[in-house]
C-alpha atoms as a PDB file:
ATOM      1  CA  MET A   1      -0.036   0.029   0.007  1.00  0.00           C
ATOM      2  CA  ALA A   2       2.287   2.779  -1.245  1.00  0.00           C
ATOM      3  CA  HIS A   3      -0.433   5.302  -1.749  1.00  0.00           C
ATOM      4  CA  THR A   4      -0.255   8.861  -0.524  1.00  0.00           C
ATOM      5  CA  LYS A   5      -3.507  10.400   0.783  1.00  0.00           C
ATOM      6  CA  ALA A   6      -4.740  13.219  -1.429  1.00  0.00           C
ATOM      7  CA  GLY A   7      -3.952  16.615  -0.193  1.00  0.00           C
ATOM      8  CA  GLY A   8      -5.964  19.772  -0.858  1.00  0.00           C
ATOM      9  CA  THR A   9      -5.173  22.343  -3.483  1.00  0.00           C
ATOM     10  CA  ALA A  10      -3.548  25.693  -2.686  1.00  0.00           C
ATOM     11  CA  LYS A  11      -4.553  28.633  -4.744  1.00  0.00           C
ATOM     12  CA  ASN A  12      -2.318  31.380  -3.649  1.00  0.00           C
ATOM     13  CA  LEU A  13       1.194  29.843  -3.962  1.00  0.00           C
ATOM     14  CA  ARG A  14       2.078  31.395  -7.381  1.00  0.00           C
ATOM     15  CA  ASP A  15       4.082  34.603  -7.556  1.00  0.00           C
ATOM     16  CA  SER A  16       5.415  36.549 -10.451  1.00  0.00           C
ATOM     17  CA  ASN A  17       9.078  37.569 -10.844  1.00  0.00           C
ATOM     18  CA  PRO A  18      10.198  41.001  -9.922  1.00  0.00           C
ATOM     19  CA  LYS A  19      10.481  43.447 -12.870  1.00  0.00           C
ATOM     20  CA  TYR A  20      13.287  45.693 -11.383  1.00  0.00           C
ATOM     21  CA  LEU A  21      11.787  48.991 -12.456  1.00  0.00           C
ATOM     22  CA  GLY A  22      13.198  52.428 -11.557  1.00  0.00           C
ATOM     23  CA  VAL A  23      15.949  54.919 -12.271  1.00  0.00           C
ATOM     24  CA  LYS A  24      19.086  53.169 -13.297  1.00  0.00           C
ATOM     25  CA  ARG A  25      21.498  56.206 -14.008  1.00  0.00           C
ATOM     26  CA  SER A  26      21.293  59.254 -11.776  1.00  0.00           C
ATOM     27  CA  ASP A  27      21.718  63.002 -12.524  1.00  0.00           C
ATOM     28  CA  GLY A  28      25.342  63.778 -13.613  1.00  0.00           C
ATOM     29  CA  GLN A  29      26.381  60.155 -14.405  1.00  0.00           C
ATOM     30  CA  LYS A  30      28.091  59.346 -17.719  1.00  0.00           C
ATOM     31  CA  VAL A  31      26.223  56.974 -20.094  1.00  0.00           C
ATOM     32  CA  GLY A  32      27.017  55.401 -23.357  1.00  0.00           C
ATOM     33  CA  ILE A  33      24.894  54.702 -26.427  1.00  0.00           C
ATOM     34  CA  GLY A  34      22.043  52.396 -25.670  1.00  0.00           C
ATOM     35  CA  GLU A  35      22.403  52.375 -21.966  1.00  0.00           C
ATOM     36  CA  VAL A  36      19.112  52.131 -19.999  1.00  0.00           C
ATOM     37  CA  ILE A  37      18.462  55.234 -17.911  1.00  0.00           C
ATOM     38  CA  VAL A  38      14.851  54.507 -16.569  1.00  0.00           C
ATOM     39  CA  ARG A  39      12.677  51.372 -16.616  1.00  0.00           C
ATOM     40  CA  GLN A  40       9.084  52.248 -16.031  1.00  0.00           C
ATOM     41  CA  ARG A  41       5.418  51.407 -16.580  1.00  0.00           C
ATOM     42  CA  GLY A  42       3.797  54.280 -18.570  1.00  0.00           C
ATOM     43  CA  THR A  43       5.752  57.432 -19.169  1.00  0.00           C
ATOM     44  CA  LYS A  44       6.134  58.768 -15.617  1.00  0.00           C
ATOM     45  CA  ILE A  45       9.412  60.498 -16.751  1.00  0.00           C
ATOM     46  CA  LEU A  46       9.321  61.932 -20.167  1.00  0.00           C
ATOM     47  CA  PRO A  47      12.122  61.656 -22.707  1.00  0.00           C
ATOM     48  CA  GLY A  48      14.091  64.733 -23.711  1.00  0.00           C
ATOM     49  CA  LYS A  49      17.052  65.517 -25.752  1.00  0.00           C
ATOM     50  CA  ASN A  50      19.050  62.345 -27.080  1.00  0.00           C
ATOM     51  CA  ILE A  51      16.668  59.949 -25.359  1.00  0.00           C
ATOM     52  CA  GLY A  52      14.929  57.072 -26.980  1.00  0.00           C
ATOM     53  CA  VAL A  53      11.741  55.200 -25.796  1.00  0.00           C
ATOM     54  CA  GLY A  54      11.411  51.438 -25.848  1.00  0.00           C
ATOM     55  CA  HIS A  55       8.157  49.578 -26.518  1.00  0.00           C
ATOM     56  CA  ASP A  56       7.724  49.182 -22.720  1.00  0.00           C
ATOM     57  CA  HIS A  57       8.423  52.891 -22.145  1.00  0.00           C
ATOM     58  CA  THR A  58      11.987  52.309 -21.115  1.00  0.00           C
ATOM     59  CA  LEU A  59      14.093  55.305 -21.543  1.00  0.00           C
ATOM     60  CA  PHE A  60      17.605  54.849 -23.082  1.00  0.00           C
ATOM     61  CA  ALA A  61      20.461  57.016 -24.242  1.00  0.00           C
ATOM     62  CA  ARG A  62      20.814  57.696 -28.037  1.00  0.00           C
ATOM     63  CA  THR A  63      24.198  59.163 -27.718  1.00  0.00           C
ATOM     64  CA  SER A  64      26.926  59.094 -25.084  1.00  0.00           C
ATOM     65  CA  GLY A  65      27.116  61.912 -22.676  1.00  0.00           C
ATOM     66  CA  ILE A  66      26.020  63.022 -19.184  1.00  0.00           C
ATOM     67  CA  VAL A  67      22.401  62.453 -17.738  1.00  0.00           C
ATOM     68  CA  HIS A  68      20.450  65.443 -16.723  1.00  0.00           C
ATOM     69  CA  PHE A  69      17.107  65.439 -15.014  1.00  0.00           C
ATOM     70  CA  ARG A  70      14.788  68.437 -15.259  1.00  0.00           C
ATOM     71  CA  THR A  71      11.175  69.368 -14.526  1.00  0.00           C
ATOM     72  CA  LYS A  72       8.751  71.148 -16.836  1.00  0.00           C
ATOM     73  CA  ARG A  73       5.236  72.530 -16.395  1.00  0.00           C
ATOM     74  CA  LYS A  74       2.874  70.822 -18.748  1.00  0.00           C
ATOM     75  CA  MET A  75      -0.888  71.567 -19.453  1.00  0.00           C
ATOM     76  CA  ASN A  76      -3.390  68.745 -18.867  1.00  0.00           C
ATOM     77  CA  PHE A  77      -6.229  68.292 -21.263  1.00  0.00           C
ATOM     78  CA  ASP A  78      -8.612  69.802 -18.793  1.00  0.00           C
ATOM     79  CA  GLY A  79      -6.526  73.105 -18.649  1.00  0.00           C
ATOM     80  CA  ARG A  80      -4.638  72.440 -15.291  1.00  0.00           C
ATOM     81  CA  SER A  81      -0.934  72.534 -15.295  1.00  0.00           C
ATOM     82  CA  LYS A  82       1.358  69.777 -13.846  1.00  0.00           C
ATOM     83  CA  SER A  83       4.985  69.669 -13.138  1.00  0.00           C
ATOM     84  CA  ARG A  84       6.577  66.677 -15.145  1.00  0.00           C
ATOM     85  CA  ASN A  85      10.015  65.133 -14.985  1.00  0.00           C
ATOM     86  CA  ILE A  86      12.159  65.072 -18.122  1.00  0.00           C
ATOM     87  CA  VAL A  87      15.517  63.347 -18.612  1.00  0.00           C
ATOM     88  CA  ASP A  88      18.120  64.552 -21.179  1.00  0.00           C
ATOM     89  CA  VAL A  89      21.612  63.297 -22.197  1.00  0.00           C
ATOM     90  CA  VAL A  90      24.017  66.275 -22.878  1.00  0.00           C
END
């Protein structure tokens, strides 16, 4: 009799892998061509000069240079203004 008694099923034991989002290069750091600067969901940080955008909204450097973060006041569609972060490579 080498049978194992039937156990119940557990429904909440699965978990997804971490996505490692966030800012990868800070203000004033040197970057090369193609280096990832920000991994994000949606465009929380907008692309500026010499910045490319991946299909998953990842911001990367199009040229080598130094990373600069800045803020800019942008208008919403309802007329209110909002401060948005922008990243450049200079």
